[in-house]
Every structure is written in structure tokens, then in C-alpha cells.
Amino acid sequence: MEGVILPKTSVILFNLGGPDGPDSIAPFLKNFFMDPAIIRVPFFVRWMISRWIAFTRSRGAAGRAYAFLGGRSPLLENTRAQARALQDVLGPDFSVHVCMRYWHPMAEAVLRDVRVEKPDRVILLALYPQFSTTTTASSFLAWDAAALRQGFSVPTQRICCWPENEGFIRAGAQKIQDAVFSCTKKTGRRPRLLFSAHGLP
């Protein structure tokens, strides 16, 4: 590869996002439920619903759940660790950024950072294994809207959807197997496996 000039590439890792402290639980929920991909009703109705949900859940179930996690979501920290690991593998001709859909850093701010780098191309990598209009499509649409507003028109490739990837399936199966074994050993009973909404296509 000596003498070959690689294009300067910005890689954007997309994830859902989550509150980074107790004060951001309600605004995170507002952003989430204001997305027309989440609640398909007219804007004014969605505006009212999103605020009602944010107010009640931030003081109720969501507030208690995040308090159990130290008052914040670990998703940003975990995604940044993935970005650092990917950066190490890709090397200096790439820059890896984290972009969250419903809490910071969001598309508008990430795009400003990417523009400063003047990349030759951009790769959008959704970290949602299964395609959904509420995750992958919504993240890509938010990026496209921000790019349009900022006049950013670099060649862009999208990497989407890998629910059948052998390594992904194997890793998931191994994690489940380890958890079942550990729980059975601890309690003497095989646990019931329940997939959350975030784990389903």
C-alpha cells in the first residue's frame, strides 16, 4: 500500500442515546417521543403527548430506572468505547465519531465537527442490528436533515442492518448461554428468557 493515498474518511456510529444525568431524563424523553417515527400523529398532538410522557415518566418509572444506573444511561460511554476501538483498528486515515439520536451528541453538533475535518467521504454506521424506522431510518433522516441545513454534501455510504451476521448471532447466543448458566448455578432453576423491545426486530 506504500504510495497509495487513502481517502480521508469520517465514520459516524449511530446509537439511540440516553440521559447523561437526572436533569436530562425529561428532555431526552421529550426528544424521543417528539420523533414522528415514534408517535405518528400531527405535530401539535405529538408535542402534548411527548411533554406529558416526559413529565410523568421522568418522575416515575424512567426516573427510578435511571437512578438504579446512577442517574444516567451508560450508552454514550459504551458507544464511545466502541468508537475508540474502531479508531484503533482503522488507523489515522479514518476518524470515528459517535452520534446519538435523542440526546447529545446529536447530528447537528457531530456534523459541525466532521465538517472541520474536510473528509473525502463519510460512512454512516448504524449500531442497531435490525432495521427499524424508529432507530436506523430515524437516525439517517436526522443526519440528512442536518447535512442539508449545513450545506454538507460529501459522498456518503450507509451501513445498515446485520441481524443475520454470524459473529453477531454467535456473540448474542454466547452471552445468553453464559447468563443462563450463571443464573441456574446460583438459583438452582433455569431462568425464563425475556427479550426487551430493544432486542427485537
N, C-alpha and C. Protein backbone atom coordinates (compact mmCIF):
# COMPACT_ATOMS: atom_id res chain seq x y z
N MET A 1 0.83 -1.21 0.00
CA MET A 1 0.00 0.00 0.00
C MET A 1 0.87 1.27 0.00
N GLU A 2 2.18 1.11 -0.06
CA GLU A 2 3.06 2.28 0.00
C GLU A 2 2.82 3.17 -1.22
N GLY A 3 2.72 4.45 -1.00
CA GLY A 3 2.50 5.38 -2.10
C GLY A 3 1.04 5.59 -2.44
N VAL A 4 0.15 4.75 -1.88
CA VAL A 4 -1.28 4.89 -2.15
C VAL A 4 -1.87 5.88 -1.17
N ILE A 5 -2.59 6.87 -1.69
CA ILE A 5 -3.22 7.87 -0.82
C ILE A 5 -4.66 7.44 -0.58
N LEU A 6 -4.97 7.11 0.66
CA LEU A 6 -6.33 6.71 1.01
C LEU A 6 -7.20 7.95 1.21
N PRO A 7 -8.47 7.85 0.85
CA PRO A 7 -9.35 8.99 1.11
C PRO A 7 -9.51 9.21 2.61
N LYS A 8 -9.63 10.45 2.99
CA LYS A 8 -9.87 10.76 4.39
C LYS A 8 -11.34 10.48 4.68
N THR A 9 -11.58 9.59 5.62
CA THR A 9 -12.94 9.09 5.85
C THR A 9 -13.39 9.37 7.27
N SER A 10 -14.58 9.94 7.40
CA SER A 10 -15.21 10.12 8.71
C SER A 10 -16.27 9.03 8.87
N VAL A 11 -16.16 8.27 9.95
CA VAL A 11 -17.12 7.20 10.25
C VAL A 11 -18.00 7.67 11.40
N ILE A 12 -19.32 7.58 11.21
CA ILE A 12 -20.26 8.03 12.22
C ILE A 12 -20.99 6.82 12.79
N LEU A 13 -20.83 6.58 14.08
CA LEU A 13 -21.54 5.49 14.75
C LEU A 13 -22.83 6.04 15.34
N PHE A 14 -23.96 5.48 14.89
CA PHE A 14 -25.26 5.94 15.36
C PHE A 14 -25.79 5.05 16.47
N ASN A 15 -26.30 5.69 17.51
CA ASN A 15 -26.98 4.96 18.57
C ASN A 15 -28.13 5.82 19.09
N LEU A 16 -28.95 5.23 19.95
CA LEU A 16 -30.18 5.89 20.39
C LEU A 16 -29.91 7.09 21.29
N GLY A 17 -28.95 6.95 22.19
CA GLY A 17 -28.69 7.99 23.17
C GLY A 17 -29.44 7.73 24.46
N GLY A 18 -29.13 8.52 25.46
CA GLY A 18 -29.78 8.38 26.76
C GLY A 18 -29.37 9.53 27.64
N PRO A 19 -30.11 9.78 28.70
CA PRO A 19 -29.79 10.91 29.57
C PRO A 19 -28.42 10.75 30.22
N ASP A 20 -27.71 11.89 30.34
CA ASP A 20 -26.38 11.85 30.97
C ASP A 20 -26.42 12.31 32.42
N GLY A 21 -27.62 12.53 32.95
CA GLY A 21 -27.80 12.91 34.34
C GLY A 21 -29.28 13.03 34.65
N PRO A 22 -29.65 13.10 35.90
CA PRO A 22 -31.07 13.17 36.27
C PRO A 22 -31.83 14.31 35.59
N ASP A 23 -31.17 15.47 35.39
CA ASP A 23 -31.83 16.62 34.79
C ASP A 23 -32.11 16.44 33.30
N SER A 24 -31.46 15.48 32.67
CA SER A 24 -31.67 15.30 31.23
C SER A 24 -32.64 14.17 30.91
N ILE A 25 -33.21 13.52 31.93
CA ILE A 25 -34.16 12.43 31.66
C ILE A 25 -35.39 12.97 30.93
N ALA A 26 -35.99 14.04 31.45
CA ALA A 26 -37.19 14.59 30.83
C ALA A 26 -36.92 15.13 29.42
N PRO A 27 -35.86 15.93 29.19
CA PRO A 27 -35.62 16.39 27.82
C PRO A 27 -35.30 15.25 26.85
N PHE A 28 -34.60 14.23 27.34
CA PHE A 28 -34.34 13.06 26.49
C PHE A 28 -35.66 12.42 26.06
N LEU A 29 -36.56 12.23 27.02
CA LEU A 29 -37.86 11.62 26.70
C LEU A 29 -38.68 12.50 25.76
N LYS A 30 -38.61 13.82 25.93
CA LYS A 30 -39.30 14.73 25.01
C LYS A 30 -38.79 14.54 23.59
N ASN A 31 -37.47 14.54 23.44
CA ASN A 31 -36.88 14.35 22.11
C ASN A 31 -37.33 13.02 21.51
N PHE A 32 -37.32 12.00 22.33
CA PHE A 32 -37.67 10.66 21.85
C PHE A 32 -39.11 10.62 21.34
N PHE A 33 -40.03 11.11 22.15
CA PHE A 33 -41.44 10.99 21.78
C PHE A 33 -41.91 12.10 20.82
N MET A 34 -41.06 13.09 20.55
CA MET A 34 -41.38 14.07 19.52
C MET A 34 -41.06 13.55 18.11
N ASP A 35 -40.32 12.49 18.01
CA ASP A 35 -39.96 11.92 16.71
C ASP A 35 -41.21 11.36 16.04
N PRO A 36 -41.55 11.84 14.84
CA PRO A 36 -42.74 11.31 14.16
C PRO A 36 -42.63 9.83 13.82
N ALA A 37 -41.41 9.29 13.83
CA ALA A 37 -41.25 7.85 13.61
C ALA A 37 -41.70 7.06 14.84
N ILE A 38 -41.71 7.69 16.01
CA ILE A 38 -42.11 7.02 17.25
C ILE A 38 -43.62 7.16 17.45
N ILE A 39 -44.11 8.38 17.36
CA ILE A 39 -45.56 8.62 17.52
C ILE A 39 -46.07 9.28 16.24
N ARG A 40 -46.86 8.55 15.47
CA ARG A 40 -47.33 9.03 14.17
C ARG A 40 -48.66 9.76 14.30
N VAL A 41 -48.60 10.95 14.82
CA VAL A 41 -49.79 11.81 14.95
C VAL A 41 -49.36 13.22 14.55
N PRO A 42 -50.30 14.13 14.31
CA PRO A 42 -49.93 15.51 13.95
C PRO A 42 -49.02 16.16 15.00
N PHE A 43 -48.23 17.13 14.55
CA PHE A 43 -47.21 17.76 15.39
C PHE A 43 -47.75 18.22 16.74
N PHE A 44 -48.86 18.96 16.74
CA PHE A 44 -49.36 19.54 18.00
C PHE A 44 -49.74 18.44 19.00
N VAL A 45 -50.35 17.37 18.51
CA VAL A 45 -50.72 16.25 19.39
C VAL A 45 -49.46 15.59 19.93
N ARG A 46 -48.49 15.39 19.04
CA ARG A 46 -47.22 14.77 19.46
C ARG A 46 -46.51 15.64 20.48
N TRP A 47 -46.56 16.98 20.29
CA TRP A 47 -45.94 17.92 21.23
C TRP A 47 -46.53 17.75 22.62
N MET A 48 -47.85 17.66 22.70
CA MET A 48 -48.51 17.50 24.00
C MET A 48 -48.20 16.13 24.62
N ILE A 49 -48.29 15.08 23.82
CA ILE A 49 -48.04 13.72 24.33
C ILE A 49 -46.61 13.60 24.83
N SER A 50 -45.65 14.12 24.04
CA SER A 50 -44.23 13.98 24.42
C SER A 50 -43.95 14.66 25.76
N ARG A 51 -44.55 15.80 25.99
CA ARG A 51 -44.32 16.51 27.25
C ARG A 51 -45.01 15.82 28.42
N TRP A 52 -46.18 15.29 28.18
CA TRP A 52 -46.87 14.56 29.24
C TRP A 52 -46.10 13.30 29.64
N ILE A 53 -45.64 12.55 28.63
CA ILE A 53 -44.86 11.33 28.91
C ILE A 53 -43.56 11.69 29.63
N ALA A 54 -42.87 12.73 29.13
CA ALA A 54 -41.59 13.13 29.75
C ALA A 54 -41.79 13.54 31.20
N PHE A 55 -42.86 14.28 31.46
CA PHE A 55 -43.12 14.74 32.83
C PHE A 55 -43.43 13.56 33.75
N THR A 56 -44.32 12.68 33.33
CA THR A 56 -44.74 11.58 34.21
C THR A 56 -43.66 10.51 34.36
N ARG A 57 -43.03 10.14 33.26
CA ARG A 57 -42.04 9.05 33.34
C ARG A 57 -40.74 9.48 34.00
N SER A 58 -40.34 10.73 33.81
CA SER A 58 -39.09 11.18 34.42
C SER A 58 -39.21 11.21 35.95
N ARG A 59 -40.45 11.37 36.43
CA ARG A 59 -40.69 11.36 37.87
C ARG A 59 -41.15 9.99 38.36
N GLY A 60 -41.37 9.09 37.42
CA GLY A 60 -41.87 7.76 37.76
C GLY A 60 -40.89 6.67 37.37
N ALA A 61 -41.36 5.77 36.50
CA ALA A 61 -40.60 4.56 36.15
C ALA A 61 -39.23 4.87 35.55
N ALA A 62 -39.17 5.80 34.60
CA ALA A 62 -37.88 6.11 33.97
C ALA A 62 -36.91 6.71 34.98
N GLY A 63 -37.41 7.61 35.81
CA GLY A 63 -36.56 8.21 36.84
C GLY A 63 -35.98 7.17 37.78
N ARG A 64 -36.83 6.21 38.20
CA ARG A 64 -36.35 5.14 39.11
C ARG A 64 -35.35 4.23 38.40
N ALA A 65 -35.62 3.91 37.13
CA ALA A 65 -34.72 3.01 36.38
C ALA A 65 -33.35 3.65 36.21
N TYR A 66 -33.33 4.94 35.84
CA TYR A 66 -32.03 5.60 35.65
C TYR A 66 -31.34 5.84 36.99
N ALA A 67 -32.09 6.04 38.06
CA ALA A 67 -31.48 6.18 39.39
C ALA A 67 -30.73 4.91 39.75
N PHE A 68 -31.29 3.78 39.37
CA PHE A 68 -30.65 2.48 39.62
C PHE A 68 -29.32 2.38 38.87
N LEU A 69 -29.22 3.11 37.74
CA LEU A 69 -27.99 3.11 36.93
C LEU A 69 -27.06 4.27 37.28
N GLY A 70 -27.33 4.93 38.40
CA GLY A 70 -26.51 6.06 38.79
C GLY A 70 -27.01 7.39 38.25
N GLY A 71 -28.26 7.42 37.79
CA GLY A 71 -28.87 8.65 37.32
C GLY A 71 -28.64 8.95 35.85
N ARG A 72 -28.00 8.03 35.14
CA ARG A 72 -27.72 8.28 33.73
C ARG A 72 -27.64 6.97 32.96
N SER A 73 -27.70 7.10 31.64
CA SER A 73 -27.56 5.93 30.77
C SER A 73 -26.08 5.65 30.50
N PRO A 74 -25.68 4.38 30.46
CA PRO A 74 -24.28 4.05 30.13
C PRO A 74 -24.04 3.98 28.62
N LEU A 75 -25.07 4.26 27.82
CA LEU A 75 -24.97 4.03 26.37
C LEU A 75 -23.91 4.90 25.70
N LEU A 76 -23.82 6.17 26.06
CA LEU A 76 -22.83 7.04 25.43
C LEU A 76 -21.42 6.57 25.74
N GLU A 77 -21.18 6.26 27.00
CA GLU A 77 -19.85 5.79 27.42
C GLU A 77 -19.48 4.50 26.68
N ASN A 78 -20.43 3.58 26.58
CA ASN A 78 -20.17 2.31 25.89
C ASN A 78 -19.93 2.52 24.39
N THR A 79 -20.71 3.41 23.79
CA THR A 79 -20.55 3.67 22.36
C THR A 79 -19.23 4.38 22.07
N ARG A 80 -18.83 5.26 22.98
CA ARG A 80 -17.52 5.92 22.81
C ARG A 80 -16.38 4.91 22.91
N ALA A 81 -16.54 3.91 23.77
CA ALA A 81 -15.52 2.85 23.87
C ALA A 81 -15.46 2.07 22.55
N GLN A 82 -16.62 1.80 21.95
CA GLN A 82 -16.64 1.14 20.64
C GLN A 82 -15.95 2.00 19.59
N ALA A 83 -16.22 3.31 19.63
CA ALA A 83 -15.61 4.22 18.66
C ALA A 83 -14.09 4.23 18.80
N ARG A 84 -13.59 4.24 20.03
CA ARG A 84 -12.13 4.22 20.25
C ARG A 84 -11.53 2.93 19.72
N ALA A 85 -12.20 1.80 19.97
CA ALA A 85 -11.69 0.50 19.50
C ALA A 85 -11.67 0.46 17.97
N LEU A 86 -12.73 0.98 17.34
CA LEU A 86 -12.78 1.00 15.88
C LEU A 86 -11.72 1.93 15.32
N GLN A 87 -11.51 3.08 15.97
CA GLN A 87 -10.47 4.02 15.54
C GLN A 87 -9.10 3.36 15.55
N ASP A 88 -8.83 2.58 16.59
CA ASP A 88 -7.55 1.88 16.70
C ASP A 88 -7.34 0.91 15.55
N VAL A 89 -8.41 0.24 15.15
CA VAL A 89 -8.32 -0.75 14.06
C VAL A 89 -8.18 -0.05 12.71
N LEU A 90 -8.93 1.02 12.48
CA LEU A 90 -8.95 1.68 11.17
C LEU A 90 -7.71 2.52 10.90
N GLY A 91 -7.15 3.14 11.93
CA GLY A 91 -5.93 3.92 11.75
C GLY A 91 -6.17 5.38 11.42
N PRO A 92 -5.08 6.10 11.11
CA PRO A 92 -5.12 7.56 11.01
C PRO A 92 -5.87 8.14 9.80
N ASP A 93 -6.15 7.32 8.79
CA ASP A 93 -6.88 7.84 7.63
C ASP A 93 -8.39 7.91 7.88
N PHE A 94 -8.79 7.49 9.06
CA PHE A 94 -10.20 7.49 9.44
C PHE A 94 -10.37 8.28 10.74
N SER A 95 -11.52 8.91 10.89
CA SER A 95 -11.88 9.49 12.18
C SER A 95 -13.26 8.95 12.54
N VAL A 96 -13.40 8.46 13.76
CA VAL A 96 -14.65 7.82 14.18
C VAL A 96 -15.37 8.73 15.18
N HIS A 97 -16.63 8.99 14.89
CA HIS A 97 -17.46 9.87 15.73
C HIS A 97 -18.68 9.11 16.23
N VAL A 98 -19.18 9.55 17.37
CA VAL A 98 -20.41 8.99 17.95
C VAL A 98 -21.53 10.01 17.75
N CYS A 99 -22.67 9.53 17.25
CA CYS A 99 -23.82 10.41 17.04
C CYS A 99 -25.05 9.75 17.65
N MET A 100 -25.65 10.42 18.62
CA MET A 100 -26.84 9.89 19.26
C MET A 100 -28.10 10.52 18.66
N ARG A 101 -29.17 9.77 18.70
CA ARG A 101 -30.40 10.27 18.06
C ARG A 101 -31.19 11.22 18.96
N TYR A 102 -31.31 10.90 20.26
CA TYR A 102 -32.24 11.65 21.11
C TYR A 102 -31.59 12.42 22.25
N TRP A 103 -30.28 12.29 22.39
CA TRP A 103 -29.57 13.13 23.36
C TRP A 103 -28.14 13.31 22.89
N HIS A 104 -27.43 14.22 23.47
CA HIS A 104 -26.13 14.66 22.97
C HIS A 104 -25.07 13.57 23.04
N PRO A 105 -24.16 13.57 22.05
CA PRO A 105 -24.03 14.46 20.90
C PRO A 105 -24.97 14.05 19.76
N MET A 106 -25.73 15.00 19.24
CA MET A 106 -26.69 14.71 18.18
C MET A 106 -26.15 15.17 16.82
N ALA A 107 -26.89 14.86 15.77
CA ALA A 107 -26.41 15.03 14.39
C ALA A 107 -25.86 16.43 14.10
N GLU A 108 -26.57 17.45 14.53
CA GLU A 108 -26.18 18.83 14.21
C GLU A 108 -24.76 19.13 14.71
N ALA A 109 -24.47 18.77 15.96
CA ALA A 109 -23.15 19.05 16.55
C ALA A 109 -22.07 18.15 15.96
N VAL A 110 -22.39 16.87 15.77
CA VAL A 110 -21.40 15.94 15.21
C VAL A 110 -21.02 16.37 13.80
N LEU A 111 -22.01 16.78 13.04
CA LEU A 111 -21.75 17.21 11.67
C LEU A 111 -20.83 18.43 11.62
N ARG A 112 -20.99 19.34 12.58
CA ARG A 112 -20.09 20.50 12.64
C ARG A 112 -18.63 20.04 12.83
N ASP A 113 -18.43 19.05 13.71
CA ASP A 113 -17.08 18.51 13.92
C ASP A 113 -16.54 17.85 12.66
N VAL A 114 -17.39 17.10 11.98
CA VAL A 114 -16.98 16.39 10.76
C VAL A 114 -16.60 17.39 9.67
N ARG A 115 -17.35 18.46 9.55
CA ARG A 115 -17.07 19.47 8.52
C ARG A 115 -15.67 20.07 8.69
N VAL A 116 -15.25 20.25 9.94
CA VAL A 116 -13.92 20.81 10.21
C VAL A 116 -12.83 19.90 9.65
N GLU A 117 -13.08 18.58 9.65
CA GLU A 117 -12.08 17.61 9.16
C GLU A 117 -11.97 17.60 7.64
N LYS A 118 -12.97 18.14 6.95
CA LYS A 118 -13.00 18.14 5.48
C LYS A 118 -12.73 16.73 4.91
N PRO A 119 -13.57 15.76 5.27
CA PRO A 119 -13.33 14.40 4.77
C PRO A 119 -13.68 14.28 3.28
N ASP A 120 -13.08 13.27 2.64
CA ASP A 120 -13.41 12.96 1.25
C ASP A 120 -14.69 12.12 1.16
N ARG A 121 -14.97 11.41 2.23
CA ARG A 121 -16.19 10.59 2.25
C ARG A 121 -16.61 10.37 3.70
N VAL A 122 -17.88 9.99 3.84
CA VAL A 122 -18.46 9.73 5.16
C VAL A 122 -19.11 8.35 5.11
N ILE A 123 -18.91 7.58 6.18
CA ILE A 123 -19.60 6.29 6.32
C ILE A 123 -20.50 6.39 7.54
N LEU A 124 -21.80 6.19 7.34
CA LEU A 124 -22.77 6.18 8.43
C LEU A 124 -23.00 4.73 8.84
N LEU A 125 -22.66 4.40 10.07
CA LEU A 125 -22.78 3.03 10.56
C LEU A 125 -23.79 2.99 11.71
N ALA A 126 -24.95 2.42 11.43
CA ALA A 126 -25.99 2.29 12.46
C ALA A 126 -25.65 1.10 13.35
N LEU A 127 -25.65 1.32 14.66
CA LEU A 127 -25.33 0.24 15.60
C LEU A 127 -26.57 -0.56 16.01
N TYR A 128 -27.68 -0.34 15.31
CA TYR A 128 -28.88 -1.13 15.55
C TYR A 128 -28.83 -2.34 14.61
N PRO A 129 -28.79 -3.56 15.15
CA PRO A 129 -28.66 -4.73 14.25
C PRO A 129 -29.83 -4.88 13.27
N GLN A 130 -31.07 -4.72 13.78
CA GLN A 130 -32.23 -4.87 12.92
C GLN A 130 -32.69 -3.51 12.42
N PHE A 131 -33.20 -3.47 11.20
CA PHE A 131 -33.71 -2.21 10.68
C PHE A 131 -35.04 -1.87 11.34
N SER A 132 -35.20 -0.61 11.69
CA SER A 132 -36.48 -0.11 12.16
C SER A 132 -36.59 1.36 11.74
N THR A 133 -37.80 1.78 11.41
CA THR A 133 -38.00 3.19 11.09
C THR A 133 -37.72 4.06 12.31
N THR A 134 -37.86 3.50 13.51
CA THR A 134 -37.69 4.28 14.74
C THR A 134 -36.25 4.35 15.22
N THR A 135 -35.37 3.60 14.60
CA THR A 135 -33.95 3.64 15.00
C THR A 135 -33.08 3.99 13.80
N THR A 136 -32.80 3.01 12.95
CA THR A 136 -31.92 3.23 11.80
C THR A 136 -32.43 4.34 10.89
N ALA A 137 -33.66 4.22 10.42
CA ALA A 137 -34.19 5.22 9.48
C ALA A 137 -34.24 6.60 10.12
N SER A 138 -34.67 6.68 11.37
CA SER A 138 -34.77 7.97 12.05
C SER A 138 -33.39 8.62 12.20
N SER A 139 -32.37 7.82 12.53
CA SER A 139 -31.01 8.36 12.68
C SER A 139 -30.47 8.88 11.35
N PHE A 140 -30.68 8.11 10.28
CA PHE A 140 -30.21 8.53 8.96
C PHE A 140 -30.94 9.81 8.50
N LEU A 141 -32.25 9.86 8.75
CA LEU A 141 -33.03 11.05 8.36
C LEU A 141 -32.55 12.30 9.11
N ALA A 142 -32.26 12.13 10.41
CA ALA A 142 -31.77 13.27 11.21
C ALA A 142 -30.43 13.76 10.67
N TRP A 143 -29.56 12.83 10.29
CA TRP A 143 -28.26 13.20 9.71
C TRP A 143 -28.45 13.94 8.38
N ASP A 144 -29.31 13.39 7.53
CA ASP A 144 -29.56 14.00 6.22
C ASP A 144 -30.11 15.42 6.38
N ALA A 145 -31.03 15.61 7.33
CA ALA A 145 -31.62 16.93 7.55
C ALA A 145 -30.56 17.91 8.05
N ALA A 146 -29.68 17.46 8.95
CA ALA A 146 -28.61 18.33 9.46
C ALA A 146 -27.62 18.66 8.34
N ALA A 147 -27.30 17.68 7.50
CA ALA A 147 -26.38 17.91 6.37
C ALA A 147 -26.96 18.92 5.40
N LEU A 148 -28.25 18.84 5.16
CA LEU A 148 -28.92 19.78 4.26
C LEU A 148 -28.88 21.19 4.84
N ARG A 149 -29.16 21.31 6.14
CA ARG A 149 -29.13 22.62 6.79
C ARG A 149 -27.73 23.24 6.76
N GLN A 150 -26.71 22.39 6.88
CA GLN A 150 -25.33 22.90 6.95
C GLN A 150 -24.63 22.92 5.59
N GLY A 151 -25.35 22.53 4.53
CA GLY A 151 -24.77 22.55 3.19
C GLY A 151 -23.63 21.56 3.03
N PHE A 152 -23.74 20.41 3.68
CA PHE A 152 -22.68 19.38 3.66
C PHE A 152 -23.06 18.32 2.63
N SER A 153 -22.22 18.16 1.60
CA SER A 153 -22.58 17.23 0.52
C SER A 153 -21.41 16.35 0.10
N VAL A 154 -20.77 15.71 1.07
CA VAL A 154 -19.67 14.79 0.81
C VAL A 154 -20.26 13.42 0.47
N PRO A 155 -19.64 12.65 -0.46
CA PRO A 155 -20.13 11.30 -0.75
C PRO A 155 -20.29 10.48 0.53
N THR A 156 -21.47 9.90 0.69
CA THR A 156 -21.82 9.23 1.95
C THR A 156 -22.33 7.82 1.68
N GLN A 157 -21.80 6.89 2.44
CA GLN A 157 -22.22 5.49 2.35
C GLN A 157 -22.89 5.10 3.66
N ARG A 158 -23.96 4.30 3.56
CA ARG A 158 -24.69 3.85 4.76
C ARG A 158 -24.47 2.36 4.96
N ILE A 159 -24.13 1.99 6.20
CA ILE A 159 -24.02 0.58 6.55
C ILE A 159 -25.16 0.29 7.52
N CYS A 160 -26.03 -0.61 7.11
CA CYS A 160 -27.27 -0.81 7.86
C CYS A 160 -27.58 -2.29 7.99
N CYS A 161 -27.96 -2.66 9.17
CA CYS A 161 -28.73 -3.88 9.38
C CYS A 161 -27.93 -5.16 9.18
N TRP A 162 -27.67 -5.81 10.29
CA TRP A 162 -26.89 -7.04 10.24
C TRP A 162 -27.42 -8.07 11.23
N PRO A 163 -28.75 -8.32 11.25
CA PRO A 163 -29.30 -9.27 12.22
C PRO A 163 -28.89 -10.71 11.95
N GLU A 164 -28.45 -11.00 10.73
CA GLU A 164 -28.08 -12.37 10.37
C GLU A 164 -26.56 -12.57 10.34
N ASN A 165 -25.81 -11.56 10.76
CA ASN A 165 -24.35 -11.69 10.78
C ASN A 165 -23.95 -12.78 11.75
N GLU A 166 -23.11 -13.69 11.27
CA GLU A 166 -22.75 -14.87 12.06
C GLU A 166 -22.08 -14.50 13.39
N GLY A 167 -21.17 -13.53 13.35
CA GLY A 167 -20.48 -13.12 14.57
C GLY A 167 -21.43 -12.49 15.58
N PHE A 168 -22.38 -11.69 15.09
CA PHE A 168 -23.36 -11.06 15.96
C PHE A 168 -24.24 -12.10 16.64
N ILE A 169 -24.71 -13.06 15.87
CA ILE A 169 -25.57 -14.12 16.42
C ILE A 169 -24.80 -14.96 17.44
N ARG A 170 -23.56 -15.31 17.08
CA ARG A 170 -22.75 -16.13 17.97
C ARG A 170 -22.48 -15.41 19.29
N ALA A 171 -22.15 -14.11 19.20
CA ALA A 171 -21.87 -13.33 20.42
C ALA A 171 -23.12 -13.24 21.30
N GLY A 172 -24.27 -12.97 20.68
CA GLY A 172 -25.51 -12.89 21.43
C GLY A 172 -25.86 -14.21 22.10
N ALA A 173 -25.73 -15.30 21.34
CA ALA A 173 -26.03 -16.63 21.88
C ALA A 173 -25.11 -16.98 23.04
N GLN A 174 -23.84 -16.61 22.91
CA GLN A 174 -22.87 -16.90 23.98
C GLN A 174 -23.19 -16.12 25.25
N LYS A 175 -23.55 -14.85 25.10
CA LYS A 175 -23.93 -14.03 26.26
C LYS A 175 -25.14 -14.62 26.97
N ILE A 176 -26.14 -15.04 26.19
CA ILE A 176 -27.35 -15.63 26.76
C ILE A 176 -27.00 -16.94 27.47
N GLN A 177 -26.19 -17.76 26.81
CA GLN A 177 -25.81 -19.05 27.40
C GLN A 177 -25.06 -18.85 28.73
N ASP A 178 -24.15 -17.89 28.76
CA ASP A 178 -23.39 -17.61 29.98
C ASP A 178 -24.33 -17.16 31.11
N ALA A 179 -25.29 -16.28 30.76
CA ALA A 179 -26.22 -15.76 31.77
C ALA A 179 -27.13 -16.87 32.30
N VAL A 180 -27.62 -17.73 31.42
CA VAL A 180 -28.48 -18.86 31.83
C VAL A 180 -27.70 -19.79 32.75
N PHE A 181 -26.47 -20.10 32.38
CA PHE A 181 -25.64 -20.99 33.20
C PHE A 181 -25.39 -20.39 34.58
N SER A 182 -25.02 -19.10 34.61
CA SER A 182 -24.73 -18.43 35.87
C SER A 182 -25.97 -18.38 36.77
N CYS A 183 -27.11 -18.04 36.18
CA CYS A 183 -28.34 -17.94 36.95
C CYS A 183 -28.79 -19.31 37.49
N THR A 184 -28.67 -20.33 36.64
CA THR A 184 -29.06 -21.69 37.04
C THR A 184 -28.17 -22.18 38.18
N LYS A 185 -26.89 -21.89 38.07
CA LYS A 185 -25.93 -22.30 39.11
C LYS A 185 -26.23 -21.60 40.43
N LYS A 186 -26.61 -20.31 40.34
CA LYS A 186 -26.86 -19.51 41.53
C LYS A 186 -28.18 -19.88 42.22
N THR A 187 -29.22 -20.14 41.41
CA THR A 187 -30.55 -20.33 41.98
C THR A 187 -31.04 -21.77 41.96
N GLY A 188 -30.38 -22.60 41.16
CA GLY A 188 -30.84 -23.99 41.03
C GLY A 188 -32.00 -24.16 40.05
N ARG A 189 -32.41 -23.06 39.41
CA ARG A 189 -33.50 -23.11 38.43
C ARG A 189 -33.08 -22.42 37.14
N ARG A 190 -33.58 -22.95 36.02
CA ARG A 190 -33.30 -22.29 34.74
C ARG A 190 -34.18 -21.04 34.64
N PRO A 191 -33.59 -19.91 34.26
CA PRO A 191 -34.37 -18.68 34.20
C PRO A 191 -35.26 -18.64 32.95
N ARG A 192 -36.26 -17.78 33.01
CA ARG A 192 -37.08 -17.51 31.82
C ARG A 192 -36.39 -16.38 31.05
N LEU A 193 -36.25 -16.56 29.74
CA LEU A 193 -35.58 -15.58 28.90
C LEU A 193 -36.63 -14.64 28.30
N LEU A 194 -36.47 -13.34 28.57
CA LEU A 194 -37.41 -12.34 28.08
C LEU A 194 -36.65 -11.30 27.25
N PHE A 195 -37.00 -11.16 25.97
CA PHE A 195 -36.36 -10.17 25.11
C PHE A 195 -37.08 -8.83 25.27
N SER A 196 -36.31 -7.79 25.48
CA SER A 196 -36.93 -6.45 25.58
C SER A 196 -37.23 -5.93 24.18
N ALA A 197 -37.98 -4.85 24.12
CA ALA A 197 -38.31 -4.25 22.83
C ALA A 197 -37.06 -3.87 22.04
N HIS A 198 -36.02 -3.44 22.76
CA HIS A 198 -34.79 -3.02 22.08
C HIS A 198 -34.05 -4.19 21.45
N GLY A 199 -34.38 -5.42 21.87
CA GLY A 199 -33.69 -6.58 21.31
C GLY A 199 -34.45 -7.27 20.20
N LEU A 200 -35.60 -6.73 19.84
CA LEU A 200 -36.45 -7.39 18.83
C LEU A 200 -36.42 -6.62 17.52
N PRO A 201 -36.55 -7.35 16.40
CA PRO A 201 -36.65 -6.64 15.11
C PRO A 201 -37.97 -5.88 15.00
